[in-house]
Amino acid sequence: MAKARQNAFMKPVKPSRELAAITGDAPLPRTEVVRKIWNHIKKNNLQNPKNTREIIADDKLRPVFGKDRVTMFEMNKHLSKHLS
């Protein structure tokens, strides 16, 4: 069962137009999408310094998250809506 789950995470998924603004429009494994989002967050200093679990959306992340702030735990729920 673990192998099937691992393959599901490695299956390339197509990002939405909003998400592609950060990840590019080529299909990527879900793990790579998350990695690119975290690279964007860190590069643009989007973690709340007082609560590092909170991500402050910039103009590229706001359409993906649908709001100005999300926790790192909510992030994957919002990303799932933008992957097919």
PDB file of N, CA and C in Angstrom:
ATOM      1  N   MET A   1       0.817  -1.202   0.000  1.00  0.00           N
ATOM      2  CA  MET A   1       0.000   0.000   0.000  1.00  0.00           C
ATOM      3  C   MET A   1       0.861   1.268   0.000  1.00  0.00           C
ATOM      4  N   ALA A   2       1.972   1.239   0.716  1.00  0.00           N
ATOM      5  CA  ALA A   2       2.841   2.410   0.782  1.00  0.00           C
ATOM      6  C   ALA A   2       3.370   2.766  -0.604  1.00  0.00           C
ATOM      7  N   LYS A   3       3.682   1.768  -1.407  1.00  0.00           N
ATOM      8  CA  LYS A   3       4.190   2.029  -2.750  1.00  0.00           C
ATOM      9  C   LYS A   3       3.124   2.704  -3.618  1.00  0.00           C
ATOM     10  N   ALA A   4       1.872   2.264  -3.500  1.00  0.00           N
ATOM     11  CA  ALA A   4       0.787   2.891  -4.257  1.00  0.00           C
ATOM     12  C   ALA A   4       0.616   4.342  -3.846  1.00  0.00           C
ATOM     13  N   ARG A   5       0.709   4.626  -2.558  1.00  0.00           N
ATOM     14  CA  ARG A   5       0.578   6.007  -2.080  1.00  0.00           C
ATOM     15  C   ARG A   5       1.729   6.855  -2.602  1.00  0.00           C
ATOM     16  N   GLN A   6       2.938   6.315  -2.581  1.00  0.00           N
ATOM     17  CA  GLN A   6       4.098   7.047  -3.078  1.00  0.00           C
ATOM     18  C   GLN A   6       3.926   7.364  -4.565  1.00  0.00           C
ATOM     19  N   ASN A   7       3.437   6.421  -5.332  1.00  0.00           N
ATOM     20  CA  ASN A   7       3.233   6.661  -6.755  1.00  0.00           C
ATOM     21  C   ASN A   7       2.193   7.741  -7.001  1.00  0.00           C
ATOM     22  N   ALA A   8       1.173   7.812  -6.161  1.00  0.00           N
ATOM     23  CA  ALA A   8       0.153   8.845  -6.306  1.00  0.00           C
ATOM     24  C   ALA A   8       0.758  10.235  -6.119  1.00  0.00           C
ATOM     25  N   PHE A   9       1.681  10.386  -5.193  1.00  0.00           N
ATOM     26  CA  PHE A   9       2.325  11.679  -4.966  1.00  0.00           C
ATOM     27  C   PHE A   9       3.294  12.027  -6.090  1.00  0.00           C
ATOM     28  N   MET A  10       3.823  11.022  -6.750  1.00  0.00           N
ATOM     29  CA  MET A  10       4.811  11.261  -7.805  1.00  0.00           C
ATOM     30  C   MET A  10       4.167  11.416  -9.187  1.00  0.00           C
ATOM     31  N   LYS A  11       2.870  11.135  -9.298  1.00  0.00           N
ATOM     32  CA  LYS A  11       2.172  11.275 -10.568  1.00  0.00           C
ATOM     33  C   LYS A  11       2.107  12.759 -10.938  1.00  0.00           C
ATOM     34  N   PRO A  12       2.533  13.118 -12.139  1.00  0.00           N
ATOM     35  CA  PRO A  12       2.464  14.530 -12.529  1.00  0.00           C
ATOM     36  C   PRO A  12       1.027  15.039 -12.563  1.00  0.00           C
ATOM     37  N   VAL A  13       0.842  16.244 -12.047  1.00  0.00           N
ATOM     38  CA  VAL A  13      -0.464  16.903 -12.049  1.00  0.00           C
ATOM     39  C   VAL A  13      -0.322  18.239 -12.770  1.00  0.00           C
ATOM     40  N   LYS A  14      -1.404  18.682 -13.373  1.00  0.00           N
ATOM     41  CA  LYS A  14      -1.402  19.925 -14.141  1.00  0.00           C
ATOM     42  C   LYS A  14      -1.848  21.073 -13.241  1.00  0.00           C
ATOM     43  N   PRO A  15      -1.031  22.109 -13.101  1.00  0.00           N
ATOM     44  CA  PRO A  15      -1.434  23.256 -12.273  1.00  0.00           C
ATOM     45  C   PRO A  15      -2.437  24.155 -13.005  1.00  0.00           C
ATOM     46  N   SER A  16      -3.294  24.812 -12.237  1.00  0.00           N
ATOM     47  CA  SER A  16      -4.224  25.791 -12.801  1.00  0.00           C
ATOM     48  C   SER A  16      -3.422  26.990 -13.312  1.00  0.00           C
ATOM     49  N   ARG A  17      -4.096  27.854 -14.025  1.00  0.00           N
ATOM     50  CA  ARG A  17      -3.435  29.066 -14.547  1.00  0.00           C
ATOM     51  C   ARG A  17      -2.871  29.901 -13.397  1.00  0.00           C
ATOM     52  N   GLU A  18      -3.633  30.015 -12.298  1.00  0.00           N
ATOM     53  CA  GLU A  18      -3.185  30.811 -11.143  1.00  0.00           C
ATOM     54  C   GLU A  18      -1.942  30.204 -10.501  1.00  0.00           C
ATOM     55  N   LEU A  19      -1.942  28.896 -10.329  1.00  0.00           N
ATOM     56  CA  LEU A  19      -0.805  28.224  -9.714  1.00  0.00           C
ATOM     57  C   LEU A  19       0.398  28.207 -10.656  1.00  0.00           C
ATOM     58  N   ALA A  20       0.147  28.120 -11.960  1.00  0.00           N
ATOM     59  CA  ALA A  20       1.226  28.094 -12.947  1.00  0.00           C
ATOM     60  C   ALA A  20       2.043  29.385 -12.941  1.00  0.00           C
ATOM     61  N   ALA A  21       1.471  30.473 -12.426  1.00  0.00           N
ATOM     62  CA  ALA A  21       2.217  31.731 -12.316  1.00  0.00           C
ATOM     63  C   ALA A  21       3.424  31.559 -11.400  1.00  0.00           C
ATOM     64  N   ILE A  22       3.386  30.553 -10.516  1.00  0.00           N
ATOM     65  CA  ILE A  22       4.491  30.285  -9.588  1.00  0.00           C
ATOM     66  C   ILE A  22       5.283  29.053 -10.012  1.00  0.00           C
ATOM     67  N   THR A  23       4.572  27.994 -10.411  1.00  0.00           N
ATOM     68  CA  THR A  23       5.235  26.713 -10.674  1.00  0.00           C
ATOM     69  C   THR A  23       5.623  26.495 -12.127  1.00  0.00           C
ATOM     70  N   GLY A  24       5.080  27.293 -13.034  1.00  0.00           N
ATOM     71  CA  GLY A  24       5.219  27.013 -14.459  1.00  0.00           C
ATOM     72  C   GLY A  24       4.046  26.141 -14.874  1.00  0.00           C
ATOM     73  N   ASP A  25       3.763  26.047 -16.175  1.00  0.00           N
ATOM     74  CA  ASP A  25       2.548  25.338 -16.596  1.00  0.00           C
ATOM     75  C   ASP A  25       2.753  23.872 -16.948  1.00  0.00           C
ATOM     76  N   ALA A  26       3.973  23.365 -16.831  1.00  0.00           N
ATOM     77  CA  ALA A  26       4.233  21.955 -17.118  1.00  0.00           C
ATOM     78  C   ALA A  26       3.707  21.073 -15.977  1.00  0.00           C
ATOM     79  N   PRO A  27       3.181  19.898 -16.296  1.00  0.00           N
ATOM     80  CA  PRO A  27       2.764  18.969 -15.239  1.00  0.00           C
ATOM     81  C   PRO A  27       3.942  18.587 -14.351  1.00  0.00           C
ATOM     82  N   LEU A  28       3.700  18.558 -13.034  1.00  0.00           N
ATOM     83  CA  LEU A  28       4.737  18.249 -12.046  1.00  0.00           C
ATOM     84  C   LEU A  28       4.176  17.307 -10.998  1.00  0.00           C
ATOM     85  N   PRO A  29       5.033  16.521 -10.348  1.00  0.00           N
ATOM     86  CA  PRO A  29       4.565  15.750  -9.197  1.00  0.00           C
ATOM     87  C   PRO A  29       4.125  16.710  -8.084  1.00  0.00           C
ATOM     88  N   ARG A  30       3.154  16.300  -7.319  1.00  0.00           N
ATOM     89  CA  ARG A  30       2.626  17.124  -6.223  1.00  0.00           C
ATOM     90  C   ARG A  30       3.750  17.589  -5.285  1.00  0.00           C
ATOM     91  N   THR A  31       4.714  16.711  -5.035  1.00  0.00           N
ATOM     92  CA  THR A  31       5.821  17.071  -4.143  1.00  0.00           C
ATOM     93  C   THR A  31       6.627  18.239  -4.707  1.00  0.00           C
ATOM     94  N   GLU A  32       6.800  18.272  -6.023  1.00  0.00           N
ATOM     95  CA  GLU A  32       7.556  19.359  -6.657  1.00  0.00           C
ATOM     96  C   GLU A  32       6.757  20.668  -6.634  1.00  0.00           C
ATOM     97  N   VAL A  33       5.443  20.572  -6.763  1.00  0.00           N
ATOM     98  CA  VAL A  33       4.586  21.765  -6.678  1.00  0.00           C
ATOM     99  C   VAL A  33       4.754  22.402  -5.299  1.00  0.00           C
ATOM    100  N   VAL A  34       4.674  21.591  -4.259  1.00  0.00           N
ATOM    101  CA  VAL A  34       4.816  22.096  -2.886  1.00  0.00           C
ATOM    102  C   VAL A  34       6.205  22.703  -2.694  1.00  0.00           C
ATOM    103  N   ARG A  35       7.226  22.056  -3.233  1.00  0.00           N
ATOM    104  CA  ARG A  35       8.595  22.579  -3.126  1.00  0.00           C
ATOM    105  C   ARG A  35       8.709  23.956  -3.790  1.00  0.00           C
ATOM    106  N   LYS A  36       8.106  24.115  -4.964  1.00  0.00           N
ATOM    107  CA  LYS A  36       8.167  25.410  -5.661  1.00  0.00           C
ATOM    108  C   LYS A  36       7.400  26.492  -4.901  1.00  0.00           C
ATOM    109  N   ILE A  37       6.276  26.110  -4.294  1.00  0.00           N
ATOM    110  CA  ILE A  37       5.522  27.080  -3.490  1.00  0.00           C
ATOM    111  C   ILE A  37       6.371  27.538  -2.303  1.00  0.00           C
ATOM    112  N   TRP A  38       7.011  26.578  -1.604  1.00  0.00           N
ATOM    113  CA  TRP A  38       7.854  26.948  -0.461  1.00  0.00           C
ATOM    114  C   TRP A  38       9.046  27.793  -0.908  1.00  0.00           C
ATOM    115  N   ASN A  39       9.623  27.499  -2.051  1.00  0.00           N
ATOM    116  CA  ASN A  39      10.719  28.342  -2.562  1.00  0.00           C
ATOM    117  C   ASN A  39      10.233  29.765  -2.780  1.00  0.00           C
ATOM    118  N   HIS A  40       9.033  29.922  -3.339  1.00  0.00           N
ATOM    119  CA  HIS A  40       8.448  31.251  -3.564  1.00  0.00           C
ATOM    120  C   HIS A  40       8.205  31.964  -2.229  1.00  0.00           C
ATOM    121  N   ILE A  41       7.668  31.221  -1.255  1.00  0.00           N
ATOM    122  CA  ILE A  41       7.386  31.810   0.060  1.00  0.00           C
ATOM    123  C   ILE A  41       8.676  32.304   0.714  1.00  0.00           C
ATOM    124  N   LYS A  42       9.702  31.483   0.696  1.00  0.00           N
ATOM    125  CA  LYS A  42      10.965  31.853   1.340  1.00  0.00           C
ATOM    126  C   LYS A  42      11.688  32.960   0.581  1.00  0.00           C
ATOM    127  N   LYS A  43      11.695  32.876  -0.746  1.00  0.00           N
ATOM    128  CA  LYS A  43      12.372  33.893  -1.563  1.00  0.00           C
ATOM    129  C   LYS A  43      11.758  35.276  -1.343  1.00  0.00           C
ATOM    130  N   ASN A  44      10.444  35.310  -1.169  1.00  0.00           N
ATOM    131  CA  ASN A  44       9.736  36.583  -1.018  1.00  0.00           C
ATOM    132  C   ASN A  44       9.403  36.927   0.432  1.00  0.00           C
ATOM    133  N   ASN A  45       9.983  36.149   1.374  1.00  0.00           N
ATOM    134  CA  ASN A  45       9.818  36.423   2.804  1.00  0.00           C
ATOM    135  C   ASN A  45       8.339  36.555   3.196  1.00  0.00           C
ATOM    136  N   LEU A  46       7.547  35.530   2.861  1.00  0.00           N
ATOM    137  CA  LEU A  46       6.102  35.591   3.071  1.00  0.00           C
ATOM    138  C   LEU A  46       5.620  34.880   4.326  1.00  0.00           C
ATOM    139  N   GLN A  47       6.537  34.383   5.154  1.00  0.00           N
ATOM    140  CA  GLN A  47       6.122  33.809   6.426  1.00  0.00           C
ATOM    141  C   GLN A  47       5.997  34.925   7.450  1.00  0.00           C
ATOM    142  N   ASN A  48       4.952  34.880   8.240  1.00  0.00           N
ATOM    143  CA  ASN A  48       4.743  35.864   9.292  1.00  0.00           C
ATOM    144  C   ASN A  48       5.874  35.695  10.313  1.00  0.00           C
ATOM    145  N   PRO A  49       6.691  36.726  10.562  1.00  0.00           N
ATOM    146  CA  PRO A  49       7.800  36.581  11.495  1.00  0.00           C
ATOM    147  C   PRO A  49       7.356  36.303  12.935  1.00  0.00           C
ATOM    148  N   LYS A  50       6.154  36.726  13.299  1.00  0.00           N
ATOM    149  CA  LYS A  50       5.657  36.491  14.654  1.00  0.00           C
ATOM    150  C   LYS A  50       5.028  35.096  14.800  1.00  0.00           C
ATOM    151  N   ASN A  51       4.606  34.511  13.679  1.00  0.00           N
ATOM    152  CA  ASN A  51       4.003  33.176  13.679  1.00  0.00           C
ATOM    153  C   ASN A  51       4.424  32.502  12.370  1.00  0.00           C
ATOM    154  N   THR A  52       5.533  31.787  12.399  1.00  0.00           N
ATOM    155  CA  THR A  52       6.099  31.240  11.160  1.00  0.00           C
ATOM    156  C   THR A  52       5.225  30.167  10.527  1.00  0.00           C
ATOM    157  N   ARG A  53       4.194  29.712  11.219  1.00  0.00           N
ATOM    158  CA  ARG A  53       3.245  28.772  10.617  1.00  0.00           C
ATOM    159  C   ARG A  53       2.297  29.459   9.649  1.00  0.00           C
ATOM    160  N   GLU A  54       2.239  30.783   9.725  1.00  0.00           N
ATOM    161  CA  GLU A  54       1.313  31.550   8.893  1.00  0.00           C
ATOM    162  C   GLU A  54       2.029  32.089   7.653  1.00  0.00           C
ATOM    163  N   ILE A  55       1.361  31.963   6.514  1.00  0.00           N
ATOM    164  CA  ILE A  55       1.887  32.456   5.250  1.00  0.00           C
ATOM    165  C   ILE A  55       1.049  33.656   4.831  1.00  0.00           C
ATOM    166  N   ILE A  56       1.724  34.733   4.490  1.00  0.00           N
ATOM    167  CA  ILE A  56       1.064  35.949   4.044  1.00  0.00           C
ATOM    168  C   ILE A  56       1.097  35.939   2.518  1.00  0.00           C
ATOM    169  N   ALA A  57      -0.071  35.882   1.899  1.00  0.00           N
ATOM    170  CA  ALA A  57      -0.151  35.762   0.445  1.00  0.00           C
ATOM    171  C   ALA A  57       0.255  37.064  -0.243  1.00  0.00           C
ATOM    172  N   ASP A  58       1.052  36.920  -1.293  1.00  0.00           N
ATOM    173  CA  ASP A  58       1.359  38.058  -2.149  1.00  0.00           C
ATOM    174  C   ASP A  58       0.404  38.016  -3.346  1.00  0.00           C
ATOM    175  N   ASP A  59       0.642  38.846  -4.354  1.00  0.00           N
ATOM    176  CA  ASP A  59      -0.265  38.917  -5.502  1.00  0.00           C
ATOM    177  C   ASP A  59      -0.341  37.603  -6.276  1.00  0.00           C
ATOM    178  N   LYS A  60       0.712  36.794  -6.255  1.00  0.00           N
ATOM    179  CA  LYS A  60       0.680  35.510  -6.957  1.00  0.00           C
ATOM    180  C   LYS A  60      -0.014  34.427  -6.143  1.00  0.00           C
ATOM    181  N   LEU A  61       0.131  34.454  -4.824  1.00  0.00           N
ATOM    182  CA  LEU A  61      -0.466  33.425  -3.981  1.00  0.00           C
ATOM    183  C   LEU A  61      -1.932  33.688  -3.640  1.00  0.00           C
ATOM    184  N   ARG A  62      -2.338  34.949  -3.621  1.00  0.00           N
ATOM    185  CA  ARG A  62      -3.711  35.286  -3.235  1.00  0.00           C
ATOM    186  C   ARG A  62      -4.757  34.566  -4.094  1.00  0.00           C
ATOM    187  N   PRO A  63      -4.596  34.511  -5.445  1.00  0.00           N
ATOM    188  CA  PRO A  63      -5.588  33.773  -6.240  1.00  0.00           C
ATOM    189  C   PRO A  63      -5.592  32.265  -5.957  1.00  0.00           C
ATOM    190  N   VAL A  64      -4.482  31.725  -5.533  1.00  0.00           N
ATOM    191  CA  VAL A  64      -4.386  30.298  -5.223  1.00  0.00           C
ATOM    192  C   VAL A  64      -5.041  30.010  -3.867  1.00  0.00           C
ATOM    193  N   PHE A  65      -4.729  30.821  -2.871  1.00  0.00           N
ATOM    194  CA  PHE A  65      -5.248  30.595  -1.519  1.00  0.00           C
ATOM    195  C   PHE A  65      -6.672  31.125  -1.346  1.00  0.00           C
ATOM    196  N   GLY A  66      -7.030  32.151  -2.093  1.00  0.00           N
ATOM    197  CA  GLY A  66      -8.364  32.730  -1.962  1.00  0.00           C
ATOM    198  C   GLY A  66      -8.510  33.661  -0.782  1.00  0.00           C
ATOM    199  N   LYS A  67      -7.416  33.924  -0.078  1.00  0.00           N
ATOM    200  CA  LYS A  67      -7.440  34.869   1.044  1.00  0.00           C
ATOM    201  C   LYS A  67      -6.025  35.369   1.307  1.00  0.00           C
ATOM    202  N   ASP A  68      -5.899  36.334   2.220  1.00  0.00           N
ATOM    203  CA  ASP A  68      -4.615  36.992   2.456  1.00  0.00           C
ATOM    204  C   ASP A  68      -3.643  36.203   3.313  1.00  0.00           C
ATOM    205  N   ARG A  69      -4.149  35.333   4.196  1.00  0.00           N
ATOM    206  CA  ARG A  69      -3.281  34.576   5.098  1.00  0.00           C
ATOM    207  C   ARG A  69      -3.804  33.159   5.244  1.00  0.00           C
ATOM    208  N   VAL A  70      -2.879  32.204   5.233  1.00  0.00           N
ATOM    209  CA  VAL A  70      -3.230  30.807   5.498  1.00  0.00           C
ATOM    210  C   VAL A  70      -2.138  30.208   6.373  1.00  0.00           C
ATOM    211  N   THR A  71      -2.477  29.137   7.089  1.00  0.00           N
ATOM    212  CA  THR A  71      -1.443  28.438   7.836  1.00  0.00           C
ATOM    213  C   THR A  71      -0.797  27.423   6.898  1.00  0.00           C
ATOM    214  N   MET A  72       0.399  26.987   7.259  1.00  0.00           N
ATOM    215  CA  MET A  72       1.088  26.003   6.420  1.00  0.00           C
ATOM    216  C   MET A  72       0.283  24.705   6.338  1.00  0.00           C
ATOM    217  N   PHE A  73      -0.573  24.449   7.328  1.00  0.00           N
ATOM    218  CA  PHE A  73      -1.382  23.242   7.327  1.00  0.00           C
ATOM    219  C   PHE A  73      -2.570  23.357   6.369  1.00  0.00           C
ATOM    220  N   GLU A  74      -3.074  24.570   6.173  1.00  0.00           N
ATOM    221  CA  GLU A  74      -4.171  24.823   5.231  1.00  0.00           C
ATOM    222  C   GLU A  74      -3.681  24.851   3.789  1.00  0.00           C
ATOM    223  N   MET A  75      -2.422  25.148   3.599  1.00  0.00           N
ATOM    224  CA  MET A  75      -1.877  25.385   2.265  1.00  0.00           C
ATOM    225  C   MET A  75      -2.174  24.240   1.295  1.00  0.00           C
ATOM    226  N   ASN A  76      -1.961  22.994   1.702  1.00  0.00           N
ATOM    227  CA  ASN A  76      -2.171  21.865   0.795  1.00  0.00           C
ATOM    228  C   ASN A  76      -3.626  21.731   0.372  1.00  0.00           C
ATOM    229  N   LYS A  77      -4.536  22.073   1.254  1.00  0.00           N
ATOM    230  CA  LYS A  77      -5.974  22.037   0.909  1.00  0.00           C
ATOM    231  C   LYS A  77      -6.242  23.022  -0.235  1.00  0.00           C
ATOM    232  N   HIS A  78      -5.670  24.205  -0.159  1.00  0.00           N
ATOM    233  CA  HIS A  78      -5.868  25.212  -1.199  1.00  0.00           C
ATOM    234  C   HIS A  78      -5.154  24.815  -2.495  1.00  0.00           C
ATOM    235  N   LEU A  79      -3.973  24.216  -2.370  1.00  0.00           N
ATOM    236  CA  LEU A  79      -3.253  23.788  -3.571  1.00  0.00           C
ATOM    237  C   LEU A  79      -4.005  22.700  -4.315  1.00  0.00           C
ATOM    238  N   SER A  80      -4.642  21.797  -3.594  1.00  0.00           N
ATOM    239  CA  SER A  80      -5.372  20.683  -4.227  1.00  0.00           C
ATOM    240  C   SER A  80      -6.448  21.181  -5.192  1.00  0.00           C
ATOM    241  N   LYS A  81      -7.052  22.310  -4.882  1.00  0.00           N
ATOM    242  CA  LYS A  81      -8.086  22.872  -5.744  1.00  0.00           C
ATOM    243  C   LYS A  81      -7.518  23.352  -7.078  1.00  0.00           C
ATOM    244  N   HIS A  82      -6.213  23.522  -7.152  1.00  0.00           N
ATOM    245  CA  HIS A  82      -5.575  24.063  -8.349  1.00  0.00           C
ATOM    246  C   HIS A  82      -4.757  23.017  -9.112  1.00  0.00           C
ATOM    247  N   LEU A  83      -4.953  21.747  -8.777  1.00  0.00           N
ATOM    248  CA  LEU A  83      -4.227  20.667  -9.446  1.00  0.00           C
ATOM    249  C   LEU A  83      -5.218  19.698 -10.078  1.00  0.00           C
ATOM    250  N   SER A  84      -4.912  19.280 -11.296  1.00  0.00           N
ATOM    251  CA  SER A  84      -5.779  18.283 -11.952  1.00  0.00           C
ATOM    252  C   SER A  84      -4.947  17.250 -12.682  1.00  0.00           C
TER     253      SER A  84
END
